[in-house]
Amino acid sequence: MAKGLKPKPWVKTSLAPGSQVVTDYLDKAGLTADLDKLGFTLVGYGCTTCIGNSGPLDEPIAAAVDAGDLVVSAVLSGNRNFEGRVHPQVKANYPRLAAAGWSPTRSPARCGST
């Protein structure tokens, strides 16, 4: 945060941990406020975002995906990485550890292109 970290406009951010215990860990580690500032706000627990409840893609992004026949990706917290899991236009989904080497101090939004 101190160095200007922020997700790119095309990165859809949310935080849906498996349980309240994870929220407690983040709170105790002092990470919740920074995650909130980055847009990784708590949206619910369990299978929330990765079952398609992340909402629509921004219209310009959705149009570019269709026009360019692009394969876009998502970074998921679980292993259910089949095509269309997050959104019908998101065809490549990767577990966070494989895609980002994720840890609570390094968000997947820092990964760049896949």
PDB file of N, CA and C in Angstrom:
ATOM      1  N   MET A   1       0.825  -1.186   0.000  1.00  0.00           N
ATOM      2  CA  MET A   1       0.000   0.000   0.000  1.00  0.00           C
ATOM      3  C   MET A   1       0.873   1.254   0.000  1.00  0.00           C
ATOM      4  N   ALA A   2       1.900   1.243   0.791  1.00  0.00           N
ATOM      5  CA  ALA A   2       2.754   2.420   0.895  1.00  0.00           C
ATOM      6  C   ALA A   2       3.439   2.739  -0.432  1.00  0.00           C
ATOM      7  N   LYS A   3       3.602   1.748  -1.291  1.00  0.00           N
ATOM      8  CA  LYS A   3       4.269   1.957  -2.572  1.00  0.00           C
ATOM      9  C   LYS A   3       3.275   2.100  -3.716  1.00  0.00           C
ATOM     10  N   GLY A   4       1.997   2.313  -3.399  1.00  0.00           N
ATOM     11  CA  GLY A   4       1.005   2.572  -4.429  1.00  0.00           C
ATOM     12  C   GLY A   4       0.365   1.343  -5.047  1.00  0.00           C
ATOM     13  N   LEU A   5       0.408   0.225  -4.360  1.00  0.00           N
ATOM     14  CA  LEU A   5      -0.200  -1.000  -4.876  1.00  0.00           C
ATOM     15  C   LEU A   5      -1.696  -0.805  -5.079  1.00  0.00           C
ATOM     16  N   LYS A   6      -2.185  -1.154  -6.262  1.00  0.00           N
ATOM     17  CA  LYS A   6      -3.625  -1.164  -6.508  1.00  0.00           C
ATOM     18  C   LYS A   6      -3.903  -2.089  -7.678  1.00  0.00           C
ATOM     19  N   PRO A   7      -5.055  -2.744  -7.657  1.00  0.00           N
ATOM     20  CA  PRO A   7      -5.387  -3.651  -8.758  1.00  0.00           C
ATOM     21  C   PRO A   7      -5.632  -2.868 -10.051  1.00  0.00           C
ATOM     22  N   LYS A   8      -5.345  -3.504 -11.153  1.00  0.00           N
ATOM     23  CA  LYS A   8      -5.647  -2.926 -12.460  1.00  0.00           C
ATOM     24  C   LYS A   8      -7.173  -2.843 -12.603  1.00  0.00           C
ATOM     25  N   PRO A   9      -7.671  -1.945 -13.437  1.00  0.00           N
ATOM     26  CA  PRO A   9      -9.125  -1.765 -13.560  1.00  0.00           C
ATOM     27  C   PRO A   9      -9.869  -3.020 -14.011  1.00  0.00           C
ATOM     28  N   TRP A  10      -9.207  -3.914 -14.718  1.00  0.00           N
ATOM     29  CA  TRP A  10      -9.869  -5.128 -15.199  1.00  0.00           C
ATOM     30  C   TRP A  10      -9.838  -6.269 -14.181  1.00  0.00           C
ATOM     31  N   VAL A  11      -9.188  -6.062 -13.041  1.00  0.00           N
ATOM     32  CA  VAL A  11      -9.153  -7.086 -11.993  1.00  0.00           C
ATOM     33  C   VAL A  11     -10.389  -6.941 -11.115  1.00  0.00           C
ATOM     34  N   LYS A  12     -11.178  -7.988 -11.054  1.00  0.00           N
ATOM     35  CA  LYS A  12     -12.397  -8.003 -10.239  1.00  0.00           C
ATOM     36  C   LYS A  12     -11.997  -8.537  -8.871  1.00  0.00           C
ATOM     37  N   THR A  13     -12.198  -7.753  -7.849  1.00  0.00           N
ATOM     38  CA  THR A  13     -11.728  -8.130  -6.515  1.00  0.00           C
ATOM     39  C   THR A  13     -12.882  -8.469  -5.589  1.00  0.00           C
ATOM     40  N   SER A  14     -12.661  -9.456  -4.734  1.00  0.00           N
ATOM     41  CA  SER A  14     -13.605  -9.801  -3.667  1.00  0.00           C
ATOM     42  C   SER A  14     -12.874 -10.726  -2.698  1.00  0.00           C
ATOM     43  N   LEU A  15     -13.425 -10.866  -1.531  1.00  0.00           N
ATOM     44  CA  LEU A  15     -12.850 -11.752  -0.520  1.00  0.00           C
ATOM     45  C   LEU A  15     -13.980 -12.609   0.030  1.00  0.00           C
ATOM     46  N   ALA A  16     -13.882 -13.915  -0.195  1.00  0.00           N
ATOM     47  CA  ALA A  16     -14.895 -14.855   0.282  1.00  0.00           C
ATOM     48  C   ALA A  16     -14.196 -16.048   0.924  1.00  0.00           C
ATOM     49  N   PRO A  17     -13.684 -15.856   2.152  1.00  0.00           N
ATOM     50  CA  PRO A  17     -12.978 -16.955   2.813  1.00  0.00           C
ATOM     51  C   PRO A  17     -13.924 -18.095   3.175  1.00  0.00           C
ATOM     52  N   GLY A  18     -13.332 -19.236   3.453  1.00  0.00           N
ATOM     53  CA  GLY A  18     -14.123 -20.406   3.784  1.00  0.00           C
ATOM     54  C   GLY A  18     -14.831 -20.319   5.116  1.00  0.00           C
ATOM     55  N   SER A  19     -14.326 -19.496   6.021  1.00  0.00           N
ATOM     56  CA  SER A  19     -14.951 -19.407   7.340  1.00  0.00           C
ATOM     57  C   SER A  19     -14.545 -18.127   8.050  1.00  0.00           C
ATOM     58  N   GLN A  20     -15.225 -17.865   9.149  1.00  0.00           N
ATOM     59  CA  GLN A  20     -14.924 -16.711   9.993  1.00  0.00           C
ATOM     60  C   GLN A  20     -13.503 -16.789  10.546  1.00  0.00           C
ATOM     61  N   VAL A  21     -12.983 -17.981  10.676  1.00  0.00           N
ATOM     62  CA  VAL A  21     -11.628 -18.153  11.210  1.00  0.00           C
ATOM     63  C   VAL A  21     -10.614 -17.404  10.344  1.00  0.00           C
ATOM     64  N   VAL A  22     -10.778 -17.462   9.030  1.00  0.00           N
ATOM     65  CA  VAL A  22      -9.864 -16.765   8.135  1.00  0.00           C
ATOM     66  C   VAL A  22      -9.965 -15.258   8.351  1.00  0.00           C
ATOM     67  N   THR A  23     -11.183 -14.751   8.502  1.00  0.00           N
ATOM     68  CA  THR A  23     -11.372 -13.328   8.781  1.00  0.00           C
ATOM     69  C   THR A  23     -10.655 -12.947  10.072  1.00  0.00           C
ATOM     70  N   ASP A  24     -10.764 -13.790  11.072  1.00  0.00           N
ATOM     71  CA  ASP A  24     -10.076 -13.537  12.339  1.00  0.00           C
ATOM     72  C   ASP A  24      -8.560 -13.496  12.153  1.00  0.00           C
ATOM     73  N   TYR A  25      -8.022 -14.433  11.352  1.00  0.00           N
ATOM     74  CA  TYR A  25      -6.582 -14.436  11.072  1.00  0.00           C
ATOM     75  C   TYR A  25      -6.154 -13.136  10.406  1.00  0.00           C
ATOM     76  N   LEU A  26      -6.929 -12.710   9.398  1.00  0.00           N
ATOM     77  CA  LEU A  26      -6.593 -11.467   8.684  1.00  0.00           C
ATOM     78  C   LEU A  26      -6.671 -10.262   9.615  1.00  0.00           C
ATOM     79  N   ASP A  27      -7.693 -10.230  10.470  1.00  0.00           N
ATOM     80  CA  ASP A  27      -7.828  -9.137  11.442  1.00  0.00           C
ATOM     81  C   ASP A  27      -6.635  -9.103  12.390  1.00  0.00           C
ATOM     82  N   LYS A  28      -6.287 -10.263  12.938  1.00  0.00           N
ATOM     83  CA  LYS A  28      -5.186 -10.333  13.901  1.00  0.00           C
ATOM     84  C   LYS A  28      -3.847  -9.987  13.264  1.00  0.00           C
ATOM     85  N   ALA A  29      -3.717 -10.275  11.962  1.00  0.00           N
ATOM     86  CA  ALA A  29      -2.478  -9.950  11.252  1.00  0.00           C
ATOM     87  C   ALA A  29      -2.446  -8.490  10.804  1.00  0.00           C
ATOM     88  N   GLY A  30      -3.551  -7.769  11.018  1.00  0.00           N
ATOM     89  CA  GLY A  30      -3.610  -6.364  10.625  1.00  0.00           C
ATOM     90  C   GLY A  30      -3.731  -6.154   9.124  1.00  0.00           C
ATOM     91  N   LEU A  31      -4.281  -7.136   8.407  1.00  0.00           N
ATOM     92  CA  LEU A  31      -4.355  -7.061   6.952  1.00  0.00           C
ATOM     93  C   LEU A  31      -5.719  -6.620   6.423  1.00  0.00           C
ATOM     94  N   THR A  32      -6.748  -6.686   7.230  1.00  0.00           N
ATOM     95  CA  THR A  32      -8.100  -6.424   6.751  1.00  0.00           C
ATOM     96  C   THR A  32      -8.252  -5.023   6.164  1.00  0.00           C
ATOM     97  N   ALA A  33      -7.748  -4.017   6.835  1.00  0.00           N
ATOM     98  CA  ALA A  33      -7.898  -2.642   6.349  1.00  0.00           C
ATOM     99  C   ALA A  33      -7.222  -2.459   4.991  1.00  0.00           C
ATOM    100  N   ASP A  34      -6.022  -3.008   4.825  1.00  0.00           N
ATOM    101  CA  ASP A  34      -5.327  -2.880   3.542  1.00  0.00           C
ATOM    102  C   ASP A  34      -6.033  -3.669   2.450  1.00  0.00           C
ATOM    103  N   LEU A  35      -6.524  -4.865   2.773  1.00  0.00           N
ATOM    104  CA  LEU A  35      -7.278  -5.632   1.781  1.00  0.00           C
ATOM    105  C   LEU A  35      -8.530  -4.867   1.356  1.00  0.00           C
ATOM    106  N   ASP A  36      -9.209  -4.243   2.316  1.00  0.00           N
ATOM    107  CA  ASP A  36     -10.388  -3.429   1.994  1.00  0.00           C
ATOM    108  C   ASP A  36     -10.025  -2.293   1.044  1.00  0.00           C
ATOM    109  N   LYS A  37      -8.910  -1.619   1.308  1.00  0.00           N
ATOM    110  CA  LYS A  37      -8.477  -0.505   0.452  1.00  0.00           C
ATOM    111  C   LYS A  37      -8.172  -0.975  -0.969  1.00  0.00           C
ATOM    112  N   LEU A  38      -7.714  -2.210  -1.097  1.00  0.00           N
ATOM    113  CA  LEU A  38      -7.411  -2.775  -2.409  1.00  0.00           C
ATOM    114  C   LEU A  38      -8.664  -3.281  -3.131  1.00  0.00           C
ATOM    115  N   GLY A  39      -9.792  -3.289  -2.432  1.00  0.00           N
ATOM    116  CA  GLY A  39     -11.026  -3.776  -3.037  1.00  0.00           C
ATOM    117  C   GLY A  39     -11.359  -5.205  -2.670  1.00  0.00           C
ATOM    118  N   PHE A  40     -10.504  -5.846  -1.888  1.00  0.00           N
ATOM    119  CA  PHE A  40     -10.768  -7.210  -1.444  1.00  0.00           C
ATOM    120  C   PHE A  40     -11.596  -7.160  -0.161  1.00  0.00           C
ATOM    121  N   THR A  41     -12.846  -6.730  -0.321  1.00  0.00           N
ATOM    122  CA  THR A  41     -13.742  -6.613   0.820  1.00  0.00           C
ATOM    123  C   THR A  41     -14.514  -7.909   0.998  1.00  0.00           C
ATOM    124  N   LEU A  42     -14.902  -8.173   2.206  1.00  0.00           N
ATOM    125  CA  LEU A  42     -15.635  -9.390   2.527  1.00  0.00           C
ATOM    126  C   LEU A  42     -16.999  -9.369   1.850  1.00  0.00           C
ATOM    127  N   VAL A  43     -17.268 -10.396   1.038  1.00  0.00           N
ATOM    128  CA  VAL A  43     -18.561 -10.496   0.353  1.00  0.00           C
ATOM    129  C   VAL A  43     -19.396 -11.664   0.862  1.00  0.00           C
ATOM    130  N   GLY A  44     -18.800 -12.513   1.661  1.00  0.00           N
ATOM    131  CA  GLY A  44     -19.501 -13.673   2.194  1.00  0.00           C
ATOM    132  C   GLY A  44     -18.510 -14.767   2.509  1.00  0.00           C
ATOM    133  N   TYR A  45     -19.033 -15.896   2.933  1.00  0.00           N
ATOM    134  CA  TYR A  45     -18.182 -17.030   3.288  1.00  0.00           C
ATOM    135  C   TYR A  45     -18.516 -18.233   2.429  1.00  0.00           C
ATOM    136  N   GLY A  46     -17.506 -19.012   2.140  1.00  0.00           N
ATOM    137  CA  GLY A  46     -17.706 -20.236   1.379  1.00  0.00           C
ATOM    138  C   GLY A  46     -17.745 -19.986  -0.118  1.00  0.00           C
ATOM    139  N   CYS A  47     -18.472 -20.840  -0.799  1.00  0.00           N
ATOM    140  CA  CYS A  47     -18.554 -20.782  -2.267  1.00  0.00           C
ATOM    141  C   CYS A  47     -19.427 -19.612  -2.680  1.00  0.00           C
ATOM    142  N   THR A  48     -18.815 -18.468  -2.808  1.00  0.00           N
ATOM    143  CA  THR A  48     -19.534 -17.252  -3.154  1.00  0.00           C
ATOM    144  C   THR A  48     -19.094 -16.758  -4.511  1.00  0.00           C
ATOM    145  N   THR A  49     -17.892 -16.276  -4.604  1.00  0.00           N
ATOM    146  CA  THR A  49     -17.384 -15.698  -5.840  1.00  0.00           C
ATOM    147  C   THR A  49     -17.148 -16.754  -6.903  1.00  0.00           C
ATOM    148  N   CYS A  50     -16.570 -17.876  -6.522  1.00  0.00           N
ATOM    149  CA  CYS A  50     -16.139 -18.848  -7.533  1.00  0.00           C
ATOM    150  C   CYS A  50     -17.278 -19.687  -8.100  1.00  0.00           C
ATOM    151  N   ILE A  51     -18.511 -19.450  -7.693  1.00  0.00           N
ATOM    152  CA  ILE A  51     -19.632 -20.147  -8.327  1.00  0.00           C
ATOM    153  C   ILE A  51     -20.418 -19.214  -9.228  1.00  0.00           C
ATOM    154  N   GLY A  52     -19.825 -18.091  -9.557  1.00  0.00           N
ATOM    155  CA  GLY A  52     -20.456 -17.179 -10.487  1.00  0.00           C
ATOM    156  C   GLY A  52     -21.162 -16.013  -9.853  1.00  0.00           C
ATOM    157  N   ASN A  53     -21.078 -15.868  -8.553  1.00  0.00           N
ATOM    158  CA  ASN A  53     -21.760 -14.775  -7.873  1.00  0.00           C
ATOM    159  C   ASN A  53     -20.925 -13.504  -7.783  1.00  0.00           C
ATOM    160  N   SER A  54     -19.958 -13.372  -8.666  1.00  0.00           N
ATOM    161  CA  SER A  54     -19.124 -12.176  -8.657  1.00  0.00           C
ATOM    162  C   SER A  54     -19.733 -11.050  -9.485  1.00  0.00           C
ATOM    163  N   GLY A  55     -20.849 -11.317 -10.130  1.00  0.00           N
ATOM    164  CA  GLY A  55     -21.517 -10.293 -10.926  1.00  0.00           C
ATOM    165  C   GLY A  55     -20.958 -10.204 -12.325  1.00  0.00           C
ATOM    166  N   PRO A  56     -21.525  -9.302 -13.117  1.00  0.00           N
ATOM    167  CA  PRO A  56     -21.103  -9.192 -14.509  1.00  0.00           C
ATOM    168  C   PRO A  56     -19.740  -8.526 -14.646  1.00  0.00           C
ATOM    169  N   LEU A  57     -19.093  -8.809 -15.762  1.00  0.00           N
ATOM    170  CA  LEU A  57     -17.883  -8.077 -16.112  1.00  0.00           C
ATOM    171  C   LEU A  57     -18.309  -6.679 -16.540  1.00  0.00           C
ATOM    172  N   ASP A  58     -17.440  -5.700 -16.351  1.00  0.00           N
ATOM    173  CA  ASP A  58     -17.735  -4.362 -16.851  1.00  0.00           C
ATOM    174  C   ASP A  58     -17.979  -4.460 -18.358  1.00  0.00           C
ATOM    175  N   GLU A  59     -18.950  -3.707 -18.853  1.00  0.00           N
ATOM    176  CA  GLU A  59     -19.358  -3.820 -20.259  1.00  0.00           C
ATOM    177  C   GLU A  59     -18.209  -3.668 -21.256  1.00  0.00           C
ATOM    178  N   PRO A  60     -17.314  -2.672 -21.103  1.00  0.00           N
ATOM    179  CA  PRO A  60     -16.205  -2.575 -22.069  1.00  0.00           C
ATOM    180  C   PRO A  60     -15.311  -3.818 -22.065  1.00  0.00           C
ATOM    181  N   ILE A  61     -15.132  -4.416 -20.897  1.00  0.00           N
ATOM    182  CA  ILE A  61     -14.305  -5.628 -20.799  1.00  0.00           C
ATOM    183  C   ILE A  61     -15.029  -6.802 -21.454  1.00  0.00           C
ATOM    184  N   ALA A  62     -16.318  -6.958 -21.152  1.00  0.00           N
ATOM    185  CA  ALA A  62     -17.104  -8.035 -21.752  1.00  0.00           C
ATOM    186  C   ALA A  62     -17.115  -7.907 -23.277  1.00  0.00           C
ATOM    187  N   ALA A  63     -17.270  -6.683 -23.782  1.00  0.00           N
ATOM    188  CA  ALA A  63     -17.286  -6.457 -25.229  1.00  0.00           C
ATOM    189  C   ALA A  63     -15.936  -6.800 -25.854  1.00  0.00           C
ATOM    190  N   ALA A  64     -14.845  -6.438 -25.184  1.00  0.00           N
ATOM    191  CA  ALA A  64     -13.503  -6.741 -25.698  1.00  0.00           C
ATOM    192  C   ALA A  64     -13.248  -8.242 -25.716  1.00  0.00           C
ATOM    193  N   VAL A  65     -13.728  -8.948 -24.703  1.00  0.00           N
ATOM    194  CA  VAL A  65     -13.572 -10.408 -24.656  1.00  0.00           C
ATOM    195  C   VAL A  65     -14.271 -11.035 -25.852  1.00  0.00           C
ATOM    196  N   ASP A  66     -15.501 -10.602 -26.110  1.00  0.00           N
ATOM    197  CA  ASP A  66     -16.262 -11.155 -27.229  1.00  0.00           C
ATOM    198  C   ASP A  66     -15.647 -10.765 -28.574  1.00  0.00           C
ATOM    199  N   ALA A  67     -15.320  -9.482 -28.729  1.00  0.00           N
ATOM    200  CA  ALA A  67     -14.802  -8.990 -30.008  1.00  0.00           C
ATOM    201  C   ALA A  67     -13.460  -9.627 -30.360  1.00  0.00           C
ATOM    202  N   GLY A  68     -12.611  -9.831 -29.357  1.00  0.00           N
ATOM    203  CA  GLY A  68     -11.287 -10.385 -29.607  1.00  0.00           C
ATOM    204  C   GLY A  68     -11.201 -11.884 -29.440  1.00  0.00           C
ATOM    205  N   ASP A  69     -12.346 -12.519 -29.135  1.00  0.00           N
ATOM    206  CA  ASP A  69     -12.366 -13.954 -28.853  1.00  0.00           C
ATOM    207  C   ASP A  69     -11.257 -14.309 -27.860  1.00  0.00           C
ATOM    208  N   LEU A  70     -11.184 -13.515 -26.792  1.00  0.00           N
ATOM    209  CA  LEU A  70     -10.123 -13.638 -25.802  1.00  0.00           C
ATOM    210  C   LEU A  70     -10.390 -14.763 -24.812  1.00  0.00           C
ATOM    211  N   VAL A  71      -9.336 -15.369 -24.351  1.00  0.00           N
ATOM    212  CA  VAL A  71      -9.417 -16.319 -23.244  1.00  0.00           C
ATOM    213  C   VAL A  71      -8.944 -15.564 -22.012  1.00  0.00           C
ATOM    214  N   VAL A  72      -9.874 -15.257 -21.123  1.00  0.00           N
ATOM    215  CA  VAL A  72      -9.525 -14.540 -19.900  1.00  0.00           C
ATOM    216  C   VAL A  72      -9.537 -15.512 -18.736  1.00  0.00           C
ATOM    217  N   SER A  73      -8.850 -15.135 -17.658  1.00  0.00           N
ATOM    218  CA  SER A  73      -8.679 -16.076 -16.556  1.00  0.00           C
ATOM    219  C   SER A  73      -9.077 -15.471 -15.217  1.00  0.00           C
ATOM    220  N   ALA A  74      -9.265 -16.350 -14.262  1.00  0.00           N
ATOM    221  CA  ALA A  74      -9.537 -15.972 -12.883  1.00  0.00           C
ATOM    222  C   ALA A  74      -8.591 -16.762 -11.985  1.00  0.00           C
ATOM    223  N   VAL A  75      -8.300 -16.193 -10.836  1.00  0.00           N
ATOM    224  CA  VAL A  75      -7.515 -16.892  -9.823  1.00  0.00           C
ATOM    225  C   VAL A  75      -8.467 -17.254  -8.704  1.00  0.00           C
ATOM    226  N   LEU A  76      -8.620 -18.545  -8.457  1.00  0.00           N
ATOM    227  CA  LEU A  76      -9.574 -19.049  -7.471  1.00  0.00           C
ATOM    228  C   LEU A  76      -8.861 -19.544  -6.225  1.00  0.00           C
ATOM    229  N   SER A  77      -9.595 -19.587  -5.148  1.00  0.00           N
ATOM    230  CA  SER A  77      -9.013 -20.088  -3.909  1.00  0.00           C
ATOM    231  C   SER A  77      -9.115 -21.597  -3.809  1.00  0.00           C
ATOM    232  N   GLY A  78      -9.935 -22.205  -4.619  1.00  0.00           N
ATOM    233  CA  GLY A  78     -10.129 -23.648  -4.536  1.00  0.00           C
ATOM    234  C   GLY A  78      -9.591 -24.367  -5.753  1.00  0.00           C
ATOM    235  N   ASN A  79     -10.015 -25.608  -5.918  1.00  0.00           N
ATOM    236  CA  ASN A  79      -9.515 -26.415  -7.023  1.00  0.00           C
ATOM    237  C   ASN A  79     -10.579 -26.688  -8.086  1.00  0.00           C
ATOM    238  N   ARG A  80     -11.698 -26.028  -8.005  1.00  0.00           N
ATOM    239  CA  ARG A  80     -12.761 -26.233  -8.991  1.00  0.00           C
ATOM    240  C   ARG A  80     -12.551 -25.260 -10.148  1.00  0.00           C
ATOM    241  N   ASN A  81     -11.585 -25.591 -10.979  1.00  0.00           N
ATOM    242  CA  ASN A  81     -11.118 -24.642 -11.974  1.00  0.00           C
ATOM    243  C   ASN A  81     -11.582 -24.981 -13.380  1.00  0.00           C
ATOM    244  N   PHE A  82     -12.855 -25.388 -13.542  1.00  0.00           N
ATOM    245  CA  PHE A  82     -13.331 -25.701 -14.876  1.00  0.00           C
ATOM    246  C   PHE A  82     -13.851 -24.455 -15.588  1.00  0.00           C
ATOM    247  N   GLU A  83     -13.909 -24.557 -16.905  1.00  0.00           N
ATOM    248  CA  GLU A  83     -14.305 -23.428 -17.748  1.00  0.00           C
ATOM    249  C   GLU A  83     -15.672 -22.881 -17.345  1.00  0.00           C
ATOM    250  N   GLY A  84     -15.769 -21.563 -17.254  1.00  0.00           N
ATOM    251  CA  GLY A  84     -17.024 -20.909 -16.938  1.00  0.00           C
ATOM    252  C   GLY A  84     -17.411 -20.928 -15.468  1.00  0.00           C
ATOM    253  N   ARG A  85     -16.562 -21.406 -14.604  1.00  0.00           N
ATOM    254  CA  ARG A  85     -16.880 -21.523 -13.175  1.00  0.00           C
ATOM    255  C   ARG A  85     -17.221 -20.164 -12.562  1.00  0.00           C
ATOM    256  N   VAL A  86     -16.430 -19.173 -12.840  1.00  0.00           N
ATOM    257  CA  VAL A  86     -16.606 -17.853 -12.250  1.00  0.00           C
ATOM    258  C   VAL A  86     -17.614 -17.031 -13.045  1.00  0.00           C
ATOM    259  N   HIS A  87     -17.531 -17.144 -14.365  1.00  0.00           N
ATOM    260  CA  HIS A  87     -18.363 -16.336 -15.261  1.00  0.00           C
ATOM    261  C   HIS A  87     -18.323 -17.010 -16.631  1.00  0.00           C
ATOM    262  N   PRO A  88     -19.401 -16.958 -17.397  1.00  0.00           N
ATOM    263  CA  PRO A  88     -19.394 -17.616 -18.708  1.00  0.00           C
ATOM    264  C   PRO A  88     -18.281 -17.124 -19.646  1.00  0.00           C
ATOM    265  N   GLN A  89     -17.828 -15.887 -19.488  1.00  0.00           N
ATOM    266  CA  GLN A  89     -16.777 -15.363 -20.354  1.00  0.00           C
ATOM    267  C   GLN A  89     -15.377 -15.626 -19.812  1.00  0.00           C
ATOM    268  N   VAL A  90     -15.266 -16.171 -18.630  1.00  0.00           N
ATOM    269  CA  VAL A  90     -13.964 -16.465 -18.021  1.00  0.00           C
ATOM    270  C   VAL A  90     -13.704 -17.954 -18.210  1.00  0.00           C
ATOM    271  N   LYS A  91     -12.817 -18.256 -19.160  1.00  0.00           N
ATOM    272  CA  LYS A  91     -12.633 -19.646 -19.565  1.00  0.00           C
ATOM    273  C   LYS A  91     -11.472 -20.356 -18.881  1.00  0.00           C
ATOM    274  N   ALA A  92     -10.485 -19.623 -18.420  1.00  0.00           N
ATOM    275  CA  ALA A  92      -9.315 -20.237 -17.801  1.00  0.00           C
ATOM    276  C   ALA A  92      -9.287 -19.833 -16.331  1.00  0.00           C
ATOM    277  N   ASN A  93      -9.382 -20.812 -15.468  1.00  0.00           N
ATOM    278  CA  ASN A  93      -9.394 -20.547 -14.032  1.00  0.00           C
ATOM    279  C   ASN A  93      -8.253 -21.322 -13.385  1.00  0.00           C
ATOM    280  N   TYR A  94      -7.524 -20.651 -12.516  1.00  0.00           N
ATOM    281  CA  TYR A  94      -6.346 -21.259 -11.914  1.00  0.00           C
ATOM    282  C   TYR A  94      -6.421 -21.191 -10.393  1.00  0.00           C
ATOM    283  N   PRO A  95      -6.002 -22.276  -9.731  1.00  0.00           N
ATOM    284  CA  PRO A  95      -5.893 -22.193  -8.262  1.00  0.00           C
ATOM    285  C   PRO A  95      -4.870 -21.133  -7.894  1.00  0.00           C
ATOM    286  N   ARG A  96      -5.132 -20.389  -6.842  1.00  0.00           N
ATOM    287  CA  ARG A  96      -4.278 -19.254  -6.500  1.00  0.00           C
ATOM    288  C   ARG A  96      -2.830 -19.637  -6.257  1.00  0.00           C
ATOM    289  N   LEU A  97      -2.581 -20.780  -5.658  1.00  0.00           N
ATOM    290  CA  LEU A  97      -1.198 -21.142  -5.369  1.00  0.00           C
ATOM    291  C   LEU A  97      -0.413 -21.373  -6.644  1.00  0.00           C
ATOM    292  N   ALA A  98      -1.043 -21.977  -7.639  1.00  0.00           N
ATOM    293  CA  ALA A  98      -0.361 -22.232  -8.902  1.00  0.00           C
ATOM    294  C   ALA A  98      -0.158 -20.953  -9.691  1.00  0.00           C
ATOM    295  N   ALA A  99      -1.129 -20.063  -9.645  1.00  0.00           N
ATOM    296  CA  ALA A  99      -1.073 -18.862 -10.476  1.00  0.00           C
ATOM    297  C   ALA A  99      -0.272 -17.738  -9.842  1.00  0.00           C
ATOM    298  N   ALA A 100      -0.282 -17.658  -8.521  1.00  0.00           N
ATOM    299  CA  ALA A 100       0.248 -16.450  -7.904  1.00  0.00           C
ATOM    300  C   ALA A 100       1.230 -16.667  -6.780  1.00  0.00           C
ATOM    301  N   GLY A 101       1.380 -17.874  -6.306  1.00  0.00           N
ATOM    302  CA  GLY A 101       2.165 -18.039  -5.102  1.00  0.00           C
ATOM    303  C   GLY A 101       1.542 -17.210  -3.993  1.00  0.00           C
ATOM    304  N   TRP A 102       0.218 -17.241  -3.891  1.00  0.00           N
ATOM    305  CA  TRP A 102      -0.559 -16.349  -3.038  1.00  0.00           C
ATOM    306  C   TRP A 102      -0.235 -16.529  -1.571  1.00  0.00           C
ATOM    307  N   SER A 103      -0.192 -15.439  -0.890  1.00  0.00           N
ATOM    308  CA  SER A 103      -0.146 -15.437   0.564  1.00  0.00           C
ATOM    309  C   SER A 103      -0.958 -14.229   0.999  1.00  0.00           C
ATOM    310  N   PRO A 104      -1.364 -14.134   2.256  1.00  0.00           N
ATOM    311  CA  PRO A 104      -2.173 -12.987   2.672  1.00  0.00           C
ATOM    312  C   PRO A 104      -1.511 -11.638   2.436  1.00  0.00           C
ATOM    313  N   THR A 105      -0.209 -11.616   2.246  1.00  0.00           N
ATOM    314  CA  THR A 105       0.465 -10.333   2.013  1.00  0.00           C
ATOM    315  C   THR A 105       0.730 -10.067   0.542  1.00  0.00           C
ATOM    316  N   ARG A 106       0.430 -11.038  -0.333  1.00  0.00           N
ATOM    317  CA  ARG A 106       0.607 -10.830  -1.775  1.00  0.00           C
ATOM    318  C   ARG A 106      -0.681 -11.235  -2.465  1.00  0.00           C
ATOM    319  N   SER A 107      -1.475 -10.284  -2.851  1.00  0.00           N
ATOM    320  CA  SER A 107      -2.769 -10.598  -3.428  1.00  0.00           C
ATOM    321  C   SER A 107      -2.638 -11.062  -4.873  1.00  0.00           C
ATOM    322  N   PRO A 108      -3.586 -11.898  -5.345  1.00  0.00           N
ATOM    323  CA  PRO A 108      -3.548 -12.347  -6.729  1.00  0.00           C
ATOM    324  C   PRO A 108      -3.587 -11.197  -7.739  1.00  0.00           C
ATOM    325  N   ALA A 109      -4.109 -10.052  -7.369  1.00  0.00           N
ATOM    326  CA  ALA A 109      -4.184  -8.925  -8.289  1.00  0.00           C
ATOM    327  C   ALA A 109      -2.801  -8.426  -8.691  1.00  0.00           C
ATOM    328  N   ARG A 110      -1.775  -8.821  -7.984  1.00  0.00           N
ATOM    329  CA  ARG A 110      -0.413  -8.402  -8.303  1.00  0.00           C
ATOM    330  C   ARG A 110       0.220  -9.269  -9.373  1.00  0.00           C
ATOM    331  N   CYS A 111      -0.441 -10.331  -9.781  1.00  0.00           N
ATOM    332  CA  CYS A 111       0.190 -11.337 -10.631  1.00  0.00           C
ATOM    333  C   CYS A 111       0.460 -10.884 -12.049  1.00  0.00           C
ATOM    334  N   GLY A 112      -0.360 -10.022 -12.581  1.00  0.00           N
ATOM    335  CA  GLY A 112      -0.189  -9.623 -13.968  1.00  0.00           C
ATOM    336  C   GLY A 112      -0.951 -10.536 -14.901  1.00  0.00           C
ATOM    337  N   SER A 113      -0.467 -10.705 -16.103  1.00  0.00           N
ATOM    338  CA  SER A 113      -1.157 -11.484 -17.134  1.00  0.00           C
ATOM    339  C   SER A 113      -0.905 -12.958 -16.968  1.00  0.00           C
ATOM    340  N   THR A 114      -1.887 -13.739 -17.427  1.00  0.00           N
ATOM    341  CA  THR A 114      -1.708 -15.195 -17.477  1.00  0.00           C
ATOM    342  C   THR A 114      -1.761 -15.647 -18.913  1.00  0.00           C
TER     343      THR A 114
END
